[in-house]
C-alpha atoms as a PDB file:
ATOM      1  CA  MET A   1      75.453  82.385   2.519  1.00  0.00           C
ATOM      2  CA  TRP A   2      71.688  82.777   3.088  1.00  0.00           C
ATOM      3  CA  ALA A   3      72.111  86.533   4.076  1.00  0.00           C
ATOM      4  CA  ASN A   4      74.605  87.311   1.149  1.00  0.00           C
ATOM      5  CA  GLY A   5      72.133  85.900  -1.243  1.00  0.00           C
ATOM      6  CA  LYS A   6      69.502  88.570   0.053  1.00  0.00           C
ATOM      7  CA  ILE A   7      71.766  91.434  -0.343  1.00  0.00           C
ATOM      8  CA  GLN A   8      70.744  93.966  -3.190  1.00  0.00           C
ATOM      9  CA  HIS A   9      73.656  95.708  -5.017  1.00  0.00           C
ATOM     10  CA  VAL A  10      73.837  99.110  -6.879  1.00  0.00           C
ATOM     11  CA  ASP A  11      76.782 100.630  -8.884  1.00  0.00           C
ATOM     12  CA  ALA A  12      78.078 103.377  -6.709  1.00  0.00           C
ATOM     13  CA  LEU A  13      81.990 103.427  -6.003  1.00  0.00           C
ATOM     14  CA  SER A  14      84.053 105.898  -7.814  1.00  0.00           C
ATOM     15  CA  GLY A  15      87.192 103.829  -8.222  1.00  0.00           C
ATOM     16  CA  ALA A  16      89.391 106.680  -6.817  1.00  0.00           C
ATOM     17  CA  PRO A  17      92.556 105.779  -4.949  1.00  0.00           C
ATOM     18  CA  GLY A  18      91.939 104.787  -1.453  1.00  0.00           C
ATOM     19  CA  THR A  19      92.527 106.897   1.639  1.00  0.00           C
ATOM     20  CA  ALA A  20      93.683 105.764   5.080  1.00  0.00           C
ATOM     21  CA  GLY A  21      91.096 103.796   7.284  1.00  0.00           C
ATOM     22  CA  THR A  22      87.905 102.551   6.038  1.00  0.00           C
ATOM     23  CA  THR A  23      84.979 104.915   5.017  1.00  0.00           C
ATOM     24  CA  TYR A  24      81.441 104.062   4.677  1.00  0.00           C
ATOM     25  CA  LEU A  25      78.812 106.239   3.054  1.00  0.00           C
ATOM     26  CA  LEU A  26      75.183 105.923   4.452  1.00  0.00           C
ATOM     27  CA  ALA A  27      72.389 107.496   2.468  1.00  0.00           C
ATOM     28  CA  GLY A  28      68.733 107.448   3.480  1.00  0.00           C
ATOM     29  CA  SER A  29      66.825 107.391   0.163  1.00  0.00           C
ATOM     30  CA  ASP A  30      63.404 108.938   0.558  1.00  0.00           C
ATOM     31  CA  ALA A  31      61.179 107.036  -1.732  1.00  0.00           C
ATOM     32  CA  ARG A  32      57.992 109.269  -2.080  1.00  0.00           C
ATOM     33  CA  GLY A  33      54.457 108.218  -1.657  1.00  0.00           C
ATOM     34  CA  GLY A  34      54.888 104.748  -0.326  1.00  0.00           C
ATOM     35  CA  ASP A  35      56.000 102.632   2.852  1.00  0.00           C
ATOM     36  CA  GLY A  36      54.651 105.103   5.222  1.00  0.00           C
ATOM     37  CA  ILE A  37      56.621 108.035   4.189  1.00  0.00           C
ATOM     38  CA  ALA A  38      54.648 111.392   4.530  1.00  0.00           C
ATOM     39  CA  GLU A  39      55.122 113.904   1.788  1.00  0.00           C
ATOM     40  CA  ASP A  40      57.139 117.122   2.742  1.00  0.00           C
ATOM     41  CA  GLY A  41      56.958 119.072  -0.454  1.00  0.00           C
ATOM     42  CA  THR A  42      60.218 117.936  -2.061  1.00  0.00           C
ATOM     43  CA  GLU A  43      60.125 117.022  -5.501  1.00  0.00           C
ATOM     44  CA  GLY A  44      61.983 113.947  -6.996  1.00  0.00           C
ATOM     45  CA  ALA A  45      64.200 111.438  -5.560  1.00  0.00           C
ATOM     46  CA  ARG A  46      66.244 112.688  -2.475  1.00  0.00           C
ATOM     47  CA  THR A  47      68.486 111.468   0.259  1.00  0.00           C
ATOM     48  CA  ASP A  48      66.908 112.771   3.547  1.00  0.00           C
ATOM     49  CA  THR A  49      69.864 111.154   5.379  1.00  0.00           C
ATOM     50  CA  ILE A  50      73.668 111.380   4.579  1.00  0.00           C
ATOM     51  CA  MET A  51      76.033 110.182   7.043  1.00  0.00           C
ATOM     52  CA  VAL A  52      79.975 109.515   6.812  1.00  0.00           C
ATOM     53  CA  LEU A  53      81.149 106.561   8.931  1.00  0.00           C
ATOM     54  CA  HIS A  54      84.804 106.421   9.160  1.00  0.00           C
ATOM     55  CA  LYS A  55      87.020 103.625  10.992  1.00  0.00           C
ATOM     56  CA  PRO A  56      90.597 105.013  10.984  1.00  0.00           C
ATOM     57  CA  SER A  57      93.618 102.581  11.410  1.00  0.00           C
ATOM     58  CA  SER A  58      93.938 103.963  14.855  1.00  0.00           C
ATOM     59  CA  GLY A  59      91.875 106.156  16.873  1.00  0.00           C
ATOM     60  CA  PRO A  60      88.093 106.658  17.561  1.00  0.00           C
ATOM     61  CA  ALA A  61      85.578 105.746  14.875  1.00  0.00           C
ATOM     62  CA  ALA A  62      83.536 108.677  13.764  1.00  0.00           C
ATOM     63  CA  LEU A  63      79.876 109.048  12.487  1.00  0.00           C
ATOM     64  CA  ILE A  64      79.454 112.440  10.826  1.00  0.00           C
ATOM     65  CA  SER A  65      76.107 113.666   9.539  1.00  0.00           C
ATOM     66  CA  LEU A  66      76.136 115.891   6.377  1.00  0.00           C
ATOM     67  CA  PRO A  67      73.099 118.148   6.108  1.00  0.00           C
ATOM     68  CA  ARG A  68      71.260 117.226   3.022  1.00  0.00           C
ATOM     69  CA  ASP A  69      71.363 121.243   2.311  1.00  0.00           C
ATOM     70  CA  THR A  70      74.975 121.438   2.427  1.00  0.00           C
ATOM     71  CA  PHE A  71      76.262 123.744  -0.262  1.00  0.00           C
ATOM     72  CA  VAL A  72      78.818 121.686  -2.309  1.00  0.00           C
ATOM     73  CA  ASP A  73      80.310 121.490  -5.918  1.00  0.00           C
ATOM     74  CA  VAL A  74      78.584 118.575  -7.563  1.00  0.00           C
ATOM     75  CA  PRO A  75      80.948 117.075 -10.394  1.00  0.00           C
ATOM     76  CA  GLY A  76      79.740 118.129 -13.564  1.00  0.00           C
ATOM     77  CA  LYS A  77      76.795 120.097 -12.455  1.00  0.00           C
ATOM     78  CA  GLY A  78      78.351 123.033 -10.279  1.00  0.00           C
ATOM     79  CA  PRO A  79      77.133 124.525  -7.113  1.00  0.00           C
ATOM     80  CA  ALA A  80      73.982 122.972  -5.510  1.00  0.00           C
ATOM     81  CA  LYS A  81      72.689 121.409  -2.291  1.00  0.00           C
ATOM     82  CA  LEU A  82      74.202 117.955  -1.599  1.00  0.00           C
ATOM     83  CA  ASN A  83      71.068 115.935  -1.839  1.00  0.00           C
ATOM     84  CA  ALA A  84      70.631 117.227  -5.507  1.00  0.00           C
ATOM     85  CA  ALA A  85      73.685 114.969  -6.471  1.00  0.00           C
ATOM     86  CA  TYR A  86      71.591 111.912  -5.790  1.00  0.00           C
ATOM     87  CA  SER A  87      68.641 113.491  -7.662  1.00  0.00           C
ATOM     88  CA  TRP A  88      70.657 113.964 -10.717  1.00  0.00           C
ATOM     89  CA  GLY A  89      73.071 110.958 -10.699  1.00  0.00           C
ATOM     90  CA  GLY A  90      71.975 108.631  -8.106  1.00  0.00           C
ATOM     91  CA  ALA A  91      74.596 106.834  -5.881  1.00  0.00           C
ATOM     92  CA  PRO A  92      77.583 107.433  -8.044  1.00  0.00           C
ATOM     93  CA  LEU A  93      77.345 111.153  -8.284  1.00  0.00           C
ATOM     94  CA  LEU A  94      76.402 111.356  -4.541  1.00  0.00           C
ATOM     95  CA  VAL A  95      79.638 109.329  -3.832  1.00  0.00           C
ATOM     96  CA  GLN A  96      81.855 111.468  -6.078  1.00  0.00           C
ATOM     97  CA  THR A  97      80.262 114.577  -4.485  1.00  0.00           C
ATOM     98  CA  VAL A  98      80.976 113.404  -0.947  1.00  0.00           C
ATOM     99  CA  GLU A  99      84.561 112.370  -1.844  1.00  0.00           C
ATOM    100  CA  GLY A 100      85.260 115.869  -3.153  1.00  0.00           C
ATOM    101  CA  LEU A 101      83.667 117.500  -0.067  1.00  0.00           C
ATOM    102  CA  THR A 102      85.448 115.459   2.460  1.00  0.00           C
ATOM    103  CA  GLY A 103      88.773 114.246   0.814  1.00  0.00           C
ATOM    104  CA  LEU A 104      87.972 110.618   1.668  1.00  0.00           C
ATOM    105  CA  THR A 105      87.513 107.862  -0.560  1.00  0.00           C
ATOM    106  CA  VAL A 106      84.255 105.869  -0.045  1.00  0.00           C
ATOM    107  CA  ASP A 107      85.026 102.162   0.432  1.00  0.00           C
ATOM    108  CA  HIS A 108      81.505 101.024   1.121  1.00  0.00           C
ATOM    109  CA  TYR A 109      78.217 102.605   0.018  1.00  0.00           C
ATOM    110  CA  VAL A 110      74.949 101.567   1.799  1.00  0.00           C
ATOM    111  CA  GLU A 111      71.502 103.002   0.727  1.00  0.00           C
ATOM    112  CA  ILE A 112      68.789 102.615   3.207  1.00  0.00           C
ATOM    113  CA  GLY A 113      65.098 103.065   1.921  1.00  0.00           C
ATOM    114  CA  LEU A 114      63.588 105.083   4.807  1.00  0.00           C
ATOM    115  CA  GLY A 115      60.354 103.199   4.436  1.00  0.00           C
ATOM    116  CA  GLY A 116      62.047  99.929   5.532  1.00  0.00           C
ATOM    117  CA  VAL A 117      63.258 101.672   8.778  1.00  0.00           C
ATOM    118  CA  SER A 118      60.033 101.119  10.378  1.00  0.00           C
ATOM    119  CA  ASN A 119      60.247  97.391   9.588  1.00  0.00           C
ATOM    120  CA  VAL A 120      63.594  97.382  11.246  1.00  0.00           C
ATOM    121  CA  VAL A 121      62.429  98.973  14.594  1.00  0.00           C
ATOM    122  CA  ASN A 122      59.371  96.705  14.542  1.00  0.00           C
ATOM    123  CA  ALA A 123      61.758  93.586  14.157  1.00  0.00           C
ATOM    124  CA  VAL A 124      63.750  94.644  17.318  1.00  0.00           C
ATOM    125  CA  GLY A 125      60.614  95.255  19.213  1.00  0.00           C
ATOM    126  CA  GLY A 126      60.424  99.003  19.118  1.00  0.00           C
ATOM    127  CA  VAL A 127      62.981 101.498  20.461  1.00  0.00           C
ATOM    128  CA  GLU A 128      62.869 104.150  23.165  1.00  0.00           C
ATOM    129  CA  LEU A 129      63.455 107.719  21.810  1.00  0.00           C
ATOM    130  CA  CYS A 130      63.706 111.113  23.616  1.00  0.00           C
ATOM    131  CA  LEU A 131      62.969 114.587  22.418  1.00  0.00           C
ATOM    132  CA  ASP A 132      62.454 117.514  25.071  1.00  0.00           C
ATOM    133  CA  TYR A 133      59.597 119.324  23.483  1.00  0.00           C
ATOM    134  CA  ASP A 134      56.113 118.716  22.035  1.00  0.00           C
ATOM    135  CA  VAL A 135      55.725 118.281  18.260  1.00  0.00           C
ATOM    136  CA  ASN A 136      52.690 118.217  15.987  1.00  0.00           C
ATOM    137  CA  ASP A 137      54.143 118.048  12.564  1.00  0.00           C
ATOM    138  CA  PRO A 138      51.819 117.139   9.661  1.00  0.00           C
ATOM    139  CA  ASN A 139      54.702 117.098   7.142  1.00  0.00           C
ATOM    140  CA  SER A 140      56.416 114.231   8.577  1.00  0.00           C
ATOM    141  CA  GLY A 141      53.290 112.914  10.690  1.00  0.00           C
ATOM    142  CA  LEU A 142      55.172 112.999  13.988  1.00  0.00           C
ATOM    143  CA  VAL A 143      52.909 113.821  17.037  1.00  0.00           C
ATOM    144  CA  TRP A 144      55.050 113.762  20.130  1.00  0.00           C
ATOM    145  CA  ALA A 145      54.689 114.871  23.783  1.00  0.00           C
ATOM    146  CA  ALA A 146      58.153 116.134  25.352  1.00  0.00           C
ATOM    147  CA  GLY A 147      60.025 113.192  26.996  1.00  0.00           C
ATOM    148  CA  CYS A 148      61.171 109.748  26.357  1.00  0.00           C
ATOM    149  CA  HIS A 149      58.816 107.047  24.782  1.00  0.00           C
ATOM    150  CA  GLU A 150      58.806 103.651  23.590  1.00  0.00           C
ATOM    151  CA  THR A 151      57.998 103.826  19.723  1.00  0.00           C
ATOM    152  CA  ASP A 152      57.016 101.495  17.045  1.00  0.00           C
ATOM    153  CA  GLY A 153      58.388 101.668  13.387  1.00  0.00           C
ATOM    154  CA  THR A 154      56.092 104.281  12.025  1.00  0.00           C
ATOM    155  CA  THR A 155      56.735 106.725  14.975  1.00  0.00           C
ATOM    156  CA  ALA A 156      60.478 106.148  14.907  1.00  0.00           C
ATOM    157  CA  LEU A 157      60.439 106.846  11.137  1.00  0.00           C
ATOM    158  CA  ALA A 158      58.510 110.013  11.542  1.00  0.00           C
ATOM    159  CA  PHE A 159      60.883 111.027  14.465  1.00  0.00           C
ATOM    160  CA  ALA A 160      63.888 110.533  12.103  1.00  0.00           C
ATOM    161  CA  ARG A 161      62.235 112.574   9.209  1.00  0.00           C
ATOM    162  CA  MET A 162      60.772 115.465  11.035  1.00  0.00           C
ATOM    163  CA  ARG A 163      62.577 118.692  10.178  1.00  0.00           C
ATOM    164  CA  TYR A 164      60.135 121.683   9.880  1.00  0.00           C
ATOM    165  CA  ALA A 165      59.426 121.634  13.512  1.00  0.00           C
ATOM    166  CA  ASP A 166      62.723 121.385  14.814  1.00  0.00           C
ATOM    167  CA  PRO A 167      64.317 124.662  15.649  1.00  0.00           C
ATOM    168  CA  LYS A 168      67.613 123.151  14.569  1.00  0.00           C
ATOM    169  CA  GLY A 169      66.423 122.190  11.129  1.00  0.00           C
ATOM    170  CA  ASP A 170      68.623 119.645   9.385  1.00  0.00           C
ATOM    171  CA  ILE A 171      71.031 119.695  12.187  1.00  0.00           C
ATOM    172  CA  GLY A 172      68.435 118.575  14.745  1.00  0.00           C
ATOM    173  CA  ARG A 173      67.132 115.936  12.349  1.00  0.00           C
ATOM    174  CA  GLY A 174      70.585 114.633  12.036  1.00  0.00           C
ATOM    175  CA  GLU A 175      70.883 114.094  15.682  1.00  0.00           C
ATOM    176  CA  ARG A 176      67.507 112.359  15.885  1.00  0.00           C
ATOM    177  CA  GLN A 177      68.493 110.076  13.012  1.00  0.00           C
ATOM    178  CA  ARG A 178      71.644 109.183  14.909  1.00  0.00           C
ATOM    179  CA  GLN A 179      69.589 108.494  18.082  1.00  0.00           C
ATOM    180  CA  VAL A 180      67.118 106.231  15.959  1.00  0.00           C
ATOM    181  CA  VAL A 181      69.990 103.948  14.487  1.00  0.00           C
ATOM    182  CA  GLY A 182      71.826 104.046  17.899  1.00  0.00           C
ATOM    183  CA  ALA A 183      68.742 102.627  19.604  1.00  0.00           C
ATOM    184  CA  VAL A 184      68.115  99.831  16.923  1.00  0.00           C
ATOM    185  CA  SER A 185      71.726  99.073  17.264  1.00  0.00           C
ATOM    186  CA  GLN A 186      71.625  98.525  21.137  1.00  0.00           C
ATOM    187  CA  LYS A 187      68.382  96.447  20.572  1.00  0.00           C
ATOM    188  CA  ALA A 188      70.105  94.373  17.928  1.00  0.00           C
ATOM    189  CA  VAL A 189      73.017  93.437  20.079  1.00  0.00           C
ATOM    190  CA  ASP A 190      70.670  92.194  22.811  1.00  0.00           C
ATOM    191  CA  ALA A 191      72.217  88.714  23.816  1.00  0.00           C
ATOM    192  CA  SER A 192      68.775  87.041  24.023  1.00  0.00           C
ATOM    193  CA  LEU A 193      68.698  87.114  20.253  1.00  0.00           C
ATOM    194  CA  LEU A 194      71.218  84.227  20.363  1.00  0.00           C
ATOM    195  CA  VAL A 195      68.629  82.044  21.515  1.00  0.00           C
ATOM    196  CA  LYS A 196      65.785  83.278  19.374  1.00  0.00           C
ATOM    197  CA  PRO A 197      66.572  82.335  15.674  1.00  0.00           C
ATOM    198  CA  GLY A 198      63.222  83.426  14.527  1.00  0.00           C
ATOM    199  CA  ASP A 199      63.784  86.926  15.620  1.00  0.00           C
ATOM    200  CA  GLN A 200      67.354  86.735  14.268  1.00  0.00           C
ATOM    201  CA  VAL A 201      65.887  85.774  10.799  1.00  0.00           C
ATOM    202  CA  ALA A 202      63.346  88.676  11.067  1.00  0.00           C
ATOM    203  CA  LEU A 203      65.776  91.270  11.826  1.00  0.00           C
ATOM    204  CA  ILE A 204      68.066  90.258   9.122  1.00  0.00           C
ATOM    205  CA  GLY A 205      65.349  89.931   6.761  1.00  0.00           C
ATOM    206  CA  ALA A 206      64.020  93.400   7.580  1.00  0.00           C
ATOM    207  CA  GLY A 207      67.490  94.931   7.656  1.00  0.00           C
ATOM    208  CA  LEU A 208      68.505  93.492   4.213  1.00  0.00           C
ATOM    209  CA  GLY A 209      65.254  94.217   2.820  1.00  0.00           C
ATOM    210  CA  ALA A 210      65.672  97.901   3.327  1.00  0.00           C
ATOM    211  CA  ILE A 211      69.101  98.493   1.896  1.00  0.00           C
ATOM    212  CA  GLU A 212      71.127  98.301  -1.265  1.00  0.00           C
ATOM    213  CA  VAL A 213      74.959  98.210  -1.100  1.00  0.00           C
ATOM    214  CA  ASP A 214      77.841  98.965  -3.746  1.00  0.00           C
ATOM    215  CA  GLU A 215      78.804  96.085  -5.878  1.00  0.00           C
ATOM    216  CA  LYS A 216      81.741  95.004  -3.763  1.00  0.00           C
ATOM    217  CA  THR A 217      79.996  94.941  -0.141  1.00  0.00           C
ATOM    218  CA  GLY A 218      79.088  91.590   1.356  1.00  0.00           C
ATOM    219  CA  ILE A 219      77.641  90.542   4.707  1.00  0.00           C
ATOM    220  CA  ILE A 220      81.035  90.611   6.416  1.00  0.00           C
ATOM    221  CA  ASP A 221      81.630  94.160   5.383  1.00  0.00           C
ATOM    222  CA  LEU A 222      78.166  94.969   6.692  1.00  0.00           C
ATOM    223  CA  GLY A 223      79.134  93.307   9.996  1.00  0.00           C
ATOM    224  CA  ARG A 224      82.211  95.373  10.213  1.00  0.00           C
ATOM    225  CA  LEU A 225      80.086  98.274   9.477  1.00  0.00           C
ATOM    226  CA  ALA A 226      77.860  97.584  12.415  1.00  0.00           C
ATOM    227  CA  LEU A 227      80.890  97.206  14.739  1.00  0.00           C
ATOM    228  CA  ALA A 228      82.202 100.525  13.514  1.00  0.00           C
ATOM    229  CA  PHE A 229      78.652 102.211  14.041  1.00  0.00           C
ATOM    230  CA  ARG A 230      78.432 100.893  17.550  1.00  0.00           C
ATOM    231  CA  ALA A 231      81.869 102.126  18.341  1.00  0.00           C
ATOM    232  CA  ALA A 232      81.168 105.553  16.971  1.00  0.00           C
ATOM    233  CA  ASN A 233      77.987 105.760  18.940  1.00  0.00           C
ATOM    234  CA  GLY A 234      79.684 104.537  22.076  1.00  0.00           C
ATOM    235  CA  PRO A 235      81.740 106.548  24.811  1.00  0.00           C
ATOM    236  CA  ASP A 236      84.973 106.304  22.845  1.00  0.00           C
ATOM    237  CA  GLY A 237      83.441 107.243  19.558  1.00  0.00           C
ATOM    238  CA  ILE A 238      82.870 110.612  17.609  1.00  0.00           C
ATOM    239  CA  THR A 239      79.454 111.769  16.379  1.00  0.00           C
ATOM    240  CA  GLY A 240      78.173 115.138  15.151  1.00  0.00           C
ATOM    241  CA  THR A 241      78.523 117.354  12.048  1.00  0.00           C
ATOM    242  CA  PRO A 242      81.392 119.069  10.136  1.00  0.00           C
ATOM    243  CA  PRO A 243      82.088 122.595  11.320  1.00  0.00           C
ATOM    244  CA  ILE A 244      79.197 124.842   9.955  1.00  0.00           C
ATOM    245  CA  SER A 245      79.727 128.553   9.543  1.00  0.00           C
ATOM    246  CA  ASN A 246      76.267 129.588   8.331  1.00  0.00           C
ATOM    247  CA  PRO A 247      72.983 127.374   8.400  1.00  0.00           C
ATOM    248  CA  ASP A 248      71.192 129.876   6.212  1.00  0.00           C
ATOM    249  CA  TYR A 249      73.661 130.666   3.154  1.00  0.00           C
ATOM    250  CA  ARG A 250      72.011 131.873   0.273  1.00  0.00           C
ATOM    251  CA  PRO A 251      74.457 132.158  -2.541  1.00  0.00           C
ATOM    252  CA  GLY A 252      71.741 132.684  -5.237  1.00  0.00           C
ATOM    253  CA  GLY A 253      70.093 130.255  -7.412  1.00  0.00           C
ATOM    254  CA  VAL A 254      69.644 127.351  -4.997  1.00  0.00           C
ATOM    255  CA  GLY A 255      67.919 128.936  -2.085  1.00  0.00           C
ATOM    256  CA  SER A 256      68.920 128.400   1.623  1.00  0.00           C
ATOM    257  CA  THR A 257      71.915 126.079   2.213  1.00  0.00           C
ATOM    258  CA  VAL A 258      74.181 125.073   4.896  1.00  0.00           C
ATOM    259  CA  GLN A 259      77.672 126.257   4.470  1.00  0.00           C
ATOM    260  CA  LEU A 260      80.486 124.347   5.983  1.00  0.00           C
ATOM    261  CA  ASP A 261      83.354 126.468   7.435  1.00  0.00           C
ATOM    262  CA  PRO A 262      85.852 126.742   4.653  1.00  0.00           C
ATOM    263  CA  ASP A 263      88.620 127.435   7.037  1.00  0.00           C
ATOM    264  CA  LEU A 264      88.081 124.584   9.464  1.00  0.00           C
ATOM    265  CA  SER A 265      86.692 121.814   7.286  1.00  0.00           C
ATOM    266  CA  PRO A 266      89.771 120.644   5.461  1.00  0.00           C
ATOM    267  CA  ALA A 267      91.669 120.046   8.768  1.00  0.00           C
ATOM    268  CA  PHE A 268      88.582 118.554  10.346  1.00  0.00           C
ATOM    269  CA  TRP A 269      88.374 115.778   7.673  1.00  0.00           C
ATOM    270  CA  ALA A 270      92.072 115.067   7.942  1.00  0.00           C
ATOM    271  CA  ASP A 271      91.816 114.517  11.657  1.00  0.00           C
ATOM    272  CA  ILE A 272      88.685 112.162  11.202  1.00  0.00           C
ATOM    273  CA  ARG A 273      90.679 110.312   8.379  1.00  0.00           C
ATOM    274  CA  ASP A 274      93.719 110.002  10.777  1.00  0.00           C
ATOM    275  CA  GLY A 275      91.861 109.220  13.940  1.00  0.00           C
ATOM    276  CA  LYS A 276      93.284 112.414  15.562  1.00  0.00           C
ATOM    277  CA  LEU A 277      90.167 113.961  17.159  1.00  0.00           C
ATOM    278  CA  PRO A 278      89.249 112.987  20.895  1.00  0.00           C
ATOM    279  CA  PRO A 279      86.000 111.209  21.484  1.00  0.00           C
ATOM    280  CA  GLY A 280      82.776 113.381  21.766  1.00  0.00           C
ATOM    281  CA  VAL A 281      80.335 115.450  19.829  1.00  0.00           C
ATOM    282  CA  VAL A 282      81.693 117.736  17.099  1.00  0.00           C
ATOM    283  CA  GLY A 283      80.299 120.417  14.800  1.00  0.00           C
ATOM    284  CA  GLY A 284      76.730 121.516  15.146  1.00  0.00           C
ATOM    285  CA  LEU A 285      75.467 125.129  14.725  1.00  0.00           C
ATOM    286  CA  PRO A 286      78.026 127.963  15.086  1.00  0.00           C
ATOM    287  CA  GLN A 287      77.957 129.537  18.632  1.00  0.00           C
ATOM    288  CA  SER A 288      76.958 133.125  18.760  1.00  0.00           C
END
């Protein structure tokens, strides 16, 4: 009851007929100019992180990152980058756009204020993250020596946001974002938390303080989301991106975008919905 009372709600769901399984849309909203977030030249409200988490009726759970520059048709607006949907119409338009792209009805929407990520990482005592090359990126504020390091919240946030110094761009950023949330998830299920009520309260407070959810989602739904997220990141889960045909697609008028494979994507989303894909990593950059 205490946790439910702390949840912040936002109108988000489209009311479209449900599809099989349970689908969560996770969006990382980038509040500019505060909470330790460095500027990267993007104007207005944006979603740096967009993930679809799907728990089918049977089969493996899947966590699929949608590059924010994915070329889509935004309802009522026309062709654009995916994160423009949030800028134009907030959570409701982003939900409608993702539903049109994937064919999945969003059952639960969770918006994460990226500035709050640092508080969550600090609440679990930091996390170990790995990256196999050096980084000195003024846009995100990340300074990194190749290898694995214990990180605090500020560094973990920069790690999750860095894009310009990543040779894989948005695709690499999606991989690092999943790594951060996976590392937090592992720390959060540490059995020692059961005998540390103060740490439990700090973690729940930091987590709920960083998110907004749709009008129908409560603490039990968030618990189920956490279990699905853990399953997707485990050995029997699916992570990755949809099939990508061109990471530098330039259709005119919207700059460089990420083009999903028009031939493979429909079957990909149907298999995600029905739990038919085998566990493992999917999608990524097209192989030359």
